[in-house]
Amino acid sequence: MARAVLLAVALAVSLGAAAQAPRGERGQPHWASLTAEQQEILAPLKEEWPRFTATEKQRWLGVAKRYPKMTPRGKERVQKRMEKWARLTPEQREQARENYRRLAKERAARRAELRERWAEYLALPPEERAKLAPPPGRPPSQRPRKNEK
């Protein structure tokens, strides 16, 4: 599960909507046309660069553009994710994209469910809401969770 989440995060950072680009469409820019700074930042992807679609390349260039403003920790994280992405086979990348799409749908469904439950709560009469409120004097951070008692 952790690997699937890591792959999904790597995908989110890198490709986003690029998964929808036709796979046969390879395009500009070529590696040689990148600036020295872009080449340095995107170095883990050098071998794979010719196989990326134009959309994928633009996504990675967006990462390179944001890179100088990142914290050292953020830069390290991006570099590690690029290295892992570059080592994936095309099948593994497609699986990562699929995992990302699935997780995005699940998150959207969960948000919709929570909005619906909140609306139901707000529709309750005040006395019913009062019954559901936490005991007075107990901060929210100290309330027991569902599985705790």
C-alpha atoms as a PDB file:
ATOM      1  CA  MET A   1       0.000   0.000   0.000  1.00  0.00           C
ATOM      2  CA  ALA A   2       2.829   2.398   0.880  1.00  0.00           C
ATOM      3  CA  ARG A   3       4.405   1.735  -2.504  1.00  0.00           C
ATOM      4  CA  ALA A   4       1.120   2.497  -4.266  1.00  0.00           C
ATOM      5  CA  VAL A   5       0.820   5.761  -2.350  1.00  0.00           C
ATOM      6  CA  LEU A   6       4.427   6.666  -3.159  1.00  0.00           C
ATOM      7  CA  LEU A   7       3.834   5.964  -6.827  1.00  0.00           C
ATOM      8  CA  ALA A   8       0.634   7.981  -6.763  1.00  0.00           C
ATOM      9  CA  VAL A   9       2.442  10.917  -5.172  1.00  0.00           C
ATOM     10  CA  ALA A  10       5.252  10.677  -7.707  1.00  0.00           C
ATOM     11  CA  LEU A  11       2.676  10.714 -10.434  1.00  0.00           C
ATOM     12  CA  ALA A  12       0.907  13.707  -8.954  1.00  0.00           C
ATOM     13  CA  VAL A  13       4.137  15.646  -8.811  1.00  0.00           C
ATOM     14  CA  SER A  14       5.183  14.674 -12.272  1.00  0.00           C
ATOM     15  CA  LEU A  15       2.443  14.049 -14.718  1.00  0.00           C
ATOM     16  CA  GLY A  16      -1.031  14.959 -13.592  1.00  0.00           C
ATOM     17  CA  ALA A  17      -3.031  15.212 -16.781  1.00  0.00           C
ATOM     18  CA  ALA A  18      -0.189  13.922 -18.941  1.00  0.00           C
ATOM     19  CA  ALA A  19      -1.618  10.442 -18.555  1.00  0.00           C
ATOM     20  CA  GLN A  20      -4.327  11.520 -20.965  1.00  0.00           C
ATOM     21  CA  ALA A  21      -1.873  12.480 -23.722  1.00  0.00           C
ATOM     22  CA  PRO A  22      -1.559  10.044 -26.604  1.00  0.00           C
ATOM     23  CA  ARG A  23       1.412   7.784 -25.894  1.00  0.00           C
ATOM     24  CA  GLY A  24       2.687   7.823 -29.484  1.00  0.00           C
ATOM     25  CA  GLU A  25       3.055  11.606 -29.583  1.00  0.00           C
ATOM     26  CA  ARG A  26       6.681  12.442 -28.788  1.00  0.00           C
ATOM     27  CA  GLY A  27       7.682  16.020 -28.969  1.00  0.00           C
ATOM     28  CA  GLN A  28       9.648  19.062 -28.083  1.00  0.00           C
ATOM     29  CA  PRO A  29      11.686  20.106 -26.326  1.00  0.00           C
ATOM     30  CA  HIS A  30      14.655  17.860 -26.877  1.00  0.00           C
ATOM     31  CA  TRP A  31      17.095  17.351 -24.009  1.00  0.00           C
ATOM     32  CA  ALA A  32      19.813  19.367 -25.747  1.00  0.00           C
ATOM     33  CA  SER A  33      17.537  22.414 -25.942  1.00  0.00           C
ATOM     34  CA  LEU A  34      17.055  22.560 -22.157  1.00  0.00           C
ATOM     35  CA  THR A  35      19.041  25.070 -20.139  1.00  0.00           C
ATOM     36  CA  ALA A  36      21.956  23.824 -18.065  1.00  0.00           C
ATOM     37  CA  GLU A  37      19.897  24.435 -14.911  1.00  0.00           C
ATOM     38  CA  GLN A  38      16.936  22.421 -16.267  1.00  0.00           C
ATOM     39  CA  GLN A  39      19.258  19.592 -17.293  1.00  0.00           C
ATOM     40  CA  GLU A  40      20.833  19.553 -13.835  1.00  0.00           C
ATOM     41  CA  ILE A  41      17.462  19.468 -12.064  1.00  0.00           C
ATOM     42  CA  LEU A  42      15.964  16.881 -14.410  1.00  0.00           C
ATOM     43  CA  ALA A  43      19.147  14.783 -14.680  1.00  0.00           C
ATOM     44  CA  PRO A  44      17.515  11.592 -13.300  1.00  0.00           C
ATOM     45  CA  LEU A  45      15.166  11.680 -16.298  1.00  0.00           C
ATOM     46  CA  LYS A  46      17.788  12.172 -19.024  1.00  0.00           C
ATOM     47  CA  GLU A  47      17.630   8.614 -20.386  1.00  0.00           C
ATOM     48  CA  GLU A  48      13.833   8.582 -20.432  1.00  0.00           C
ATOM     49  CA  TRP A  49      13.418  12.130 -21.807  1.00  0.00           C
ATOM     50  CA  PRO A  50      13.201  11.105 -25.495  1.00  0.00           C
ATOM     51  CA  ARG A  51      10.344   8.714 -24.683  1.00  0.00           C
ATOM     52  CA  PHE A  52       8.205  11.304 -22.883  1.00  0.00           C
ATOM     53  CA  THR A  53       5.311  12.948 -24.672  1.00  0.00           C
ATOM     54  CA  ALA A  54       5.354  16.698 -25.186  1.00  0.00           C
ATOM     55  CA  THR A  55       2.809  17.015 -22.371  1.00  0.00           C
ATOM     56  CA  GLU A  56       4.946  14.964 -19.998  1.00  0.00           C
ATOM     57  CA  LYS A  57       7.979  17.085 -20.838  1.00  0.00           C
ATOM     58  CA  GLN A  58       6.033  20.265 -20.100  1.00  0.00           C
ATOM     59  CA  ARG A  59       4.958  18.849 -16.729  1.00  0.00           C
ATOM     60  CA  TRP A  60       8.556  18.027 -15.839  1.00  0.00           C
ATOM     61  CA  LEU A  61       9.678  21.478 -16.974  1.00  0.00           C
ATOM     62  CA  GLY A  62       7.063  22.898 -14.611  1.00  0.00           C
ATOM     63  CA  VAL A  63       8.676  20.927 -11.792  1.00  0.00           C
ATOM     64  CA  ALA A  64      12.089  22.298 -12.819  1.00  0.00           C
ATOM     65  CA  LYS A  65      10.701  25.849 -12.814  1.00  0.00           C
ATOM     66  CA  ARG A  66       9.365  25.472  -9.247  1.00  0.00           C
ATOM     67  CA  TYR A  67      12.457  23.625  -8.048  1.00  0.00           C
ATOM     68  CA  PRO A  68      14.690  26.636  -7.175  1.00  0.00           C
ATOM     69  CA  LYS A  69      12.037  27.981  -4.777  1.00  0.00           C
ATOM     70  CA  MET A  70      11.660  24.652  -2.949  1.00  0.00           C
ATOM     71  CA  THR A  71      13.068  23.965   0.470  1.00  0.00           C
ATOM     72  CA  PRO A  72      16.128  21.703   0.628  1.00  0.00           C
ATOM     73  CA  ARG A  73      13.869  18.927   1.920  1.00  0.00           C
ATOM     74  CA  GLY A  74      11.432  19.479  -0.948  1.00  0.00           C
ATOM     75  CA  LYS A  75      14.271  19.401  -3.479  1.00  0.00           C
ATOM     76  CA  GLU A  76      15.571  16.146  -2.031  1.00  0.00           C
ATOM     77  CA  ARG A  77      12.082  14.627  -2.186  1.00  0.00           C
ATOM     78  CA  VAL A  78      11.612  15.666  -5.829  1.00  0.00           C
ATOM     79  CA  GLN A  79      15.011  14.263  -6.809  1.00  0.00           C
ATOM     80  CA  LYS A  80      14.262  10.916  -5.150  1.00  0.00           C
ATOM     81  CA  ARG A  81      10.852  10.726  -6.822  1.00  0.00           C
ATOM     82  CA  MET A  82      12.333  11.517 -10.227  1.00  0.00           C
ATOM     83  CA  GLU A  83      14.905   8.776  -9.751  1.00  0.00           C
ATOM     84  CA  LYS A  84      12.210   6.278  -8.779  1.00  0.00           C
ATOM     85  CA  TRP A  85       9.998   7.347 -11.698  1.00  0.00           C
ATOM     86  CA  ALA A  86      12.884   6.944 -14.150  1.00  0.00           C
ATOM     87  CA  ARG A  87      13.499   3.383 -12.898  1.00  0.00           C
ATOM     88  CA  LEU A  88       9.887   2.289 -13.443  1.00  0.00           C
ATOM     89  CA  THR A  89       8.978   0.233 -16.479  1.00  0.00           C
ATOM     90  CA  PRO A  90       6.274   1.590 -18.791  1.00  0.00           C
ATOM     91  CA  GLU A  91       3.872  -0.952 -17.272  1.00  0.00           C
ATOM     92  CA  GLN A  92       4.691   0.211 -13.748  1.00  0.00           C
ATOM     93  CA  ARG A  93       4.196   3.835 -14.778  1.00  0.00           C
ATOM     94  CA  GLU A  94       0.814   3.012 -16.233  1.00  0.00           C
ATOM     95  CA  GLN A  95      -0.079   1.199 -13.003  1.00  0.00           C
ATOM     96  CA  ALA A  96       1.025   4.277 -11.022  1.00  0.00           C
ATOM     97  CA  ARG A  97      -1.172   6.470 -13.225  1.00  0.00           C
ATOM     98  CA  GLU A  98      -4.096   4.118 -12.704  1.00  0.00           C
ATOM     99  CA  ASN A  99      -3.496   4.114  -8.939  1.00  0.00           C
ATOM    100  CA  TYR A 100      -3.455   7.911  -8.975  1.00  0.00           C
ATOM    101  CA  ARG A 101      -6.720   8.086 -10.925  1.00  0.00           C
ATOM    102  CA  ARG A 102      -8.333   5.540  -8.581  1.00  0.00           C
ATOM    103  CA  LEU A 103      -7.169   7.357  -5.450  1.00  0.00           C
ATOM    104  CA  ALA A 104      -8.375  10.691  -6.841  1.00  0.00           C
ATOM    105  CA  LYS A 105     -11.832   9.205  -7.450  1.00  0.00           C
ATOM    106  CA  GLU A 106     -11.884   7.702  -3.959  1.00  0.00           C
ATOM    107  CA  ARG A 107     -10.912  11.042  -2.394  1.00  0.00           C
ATOM    108  CA  ALA A 108     -13.611  12.843  -4.384  1.00  0.00           C
ATOM    109  CA  ALA A 109     -16.204  10.271  -3.320  1.00  0.00           C
ATOM    110  CA  ARG A 110     -15.105  10.592   0.313  1.00  0.00           C
ATOM    111  CA  ARG A 111     -15.360  14.397   0.164  1.00  0.00           C
ATOM    112  CA  ALA A 112     -18.847  14.123  -1.331  1.00  0.00           C
ATOM    113  CA  GLU A 113     -19.861  11.711   1.429  1.00  0.00           C
ATOM    114  CA  LEU A 114     -18.542  14.064   4.115  1.00  0.00           C
ATOM    115  CA  ARG A 115     -20.366  17.042   2.575  1.00  0.00           C
ATOM    116  CA  GLU A 116     -23.580  15.005   2.554  1.00  0.00           C
ATOM    117  CA  ARG A 117     -23.146  13.949   6.179  1.00  0.00           C
ATOM    118  CA  TRP A 118     -22.402  17.547   7.188  1.00  0.00           C
ATOM    119  CA  ALA A 119     -25.560  18.727   5.439  1.00  0.00           C
ATOM    120  CA  GLU A 120     -27.546  16.044   7.289  1.00  0.00           C
ATOM    121  CA  TYR A 121     -26.017  17.190  10.564  1.00  0.00           C
ATOM    122  CA  LEU A 122     -26.875  20.818   9.856  1.00  0.00           C
ATOM    123  CA  ALA A 123     -30.455  19.799   9.060  1.00  0.00           C
ATOM    124  CA  LEU A 124     -30.868  18.283  12.537  1.00  0.00           C
ATOM    125  CA  PRO A 125     -32.806  20.236  15.150  1.00  0.00           C
ATOM    126  CA  PRO A 126     -30.540  22.052  17.650  1.00  0.00           C
ATOM    127  CA  GLU A 127     -31.391  19.608  20.469  1.00  0.00           C
ATOM    128  CA  GLU A 128     -30.280  16.650  18.324  1.00  0.00           C
ATOM    129  CA  ARG A 129     -27.026  18.406  17.455  1.00  0.00           C
ATOM    130  CA  ALA A 130     -26.456  19.127  21.153  1.00  0.00           C
ATOM    131  CA  LYS A 131     -26.706  15.384  21.881  1.00  0.00           C
ATOM    132  CA  LEU A 132     -23.930  14.747  19.352  1.00  0.00           C
ATOM    133  CA  ALA A 133     -21.630  17.453  20.698  1.00  0.00           C
ATOM    134  CA  PRO A 134     -18.538  16.459  22.721  1.00  0.00           C
ATOM    135  CA  PRO A 135     -18.709  16.824  26.492  1.00  0.00           C
ATOM    136  CA  PRO A 136     -18.017  20.402  27.609  1.00  0.00           C
ATOM    137  CA  GLY A 137     -14.538  21.229  28.845  1.00  0.00           C
ATOM    138  CA  ARG A 138     -12.782  18.548  26.837  1.00  0.00           C
ATOM    139  CA  PRO A 139     -10.652  20.004  24.005  1.00  0.00           C
ATOM    140  CA  PRO A 140     -11.249  18.510  20.544  1.00  0.00           C
ATOM    141  CA  SER A 141      -7.712  17.135  20.420  1.00  0.00           C
ATOM    142  CA  GLN A 142      -8.463  14.982  23.480  1.00  0.00           C
ATOM    143  CA  ARG A 143     -11.728  13.518  22.231  1.00  0.00           C
ATOM    144  CA  PRO A 144     -11.617   9.760  21.771  1.00  0.00           C
ATOM    145  CA  ARG A 145     -11.500   8.593  18.177  1.00  0.00           C
ATOM    146  CA  LYS A 146     -14.007   6.113  16.750  1.00  0.00           C
ATOM    147  CA  ASN A 147     -11.868   3.096  17.598  1.00  0.00           C
ATOM    148  CA  GLU A 148     -10.711   4.415  20.987  1.00  0.00           C
ATOM    149  CA  LYS A 149     -12.710   4.319  24.193  1.00  0.00           C
END
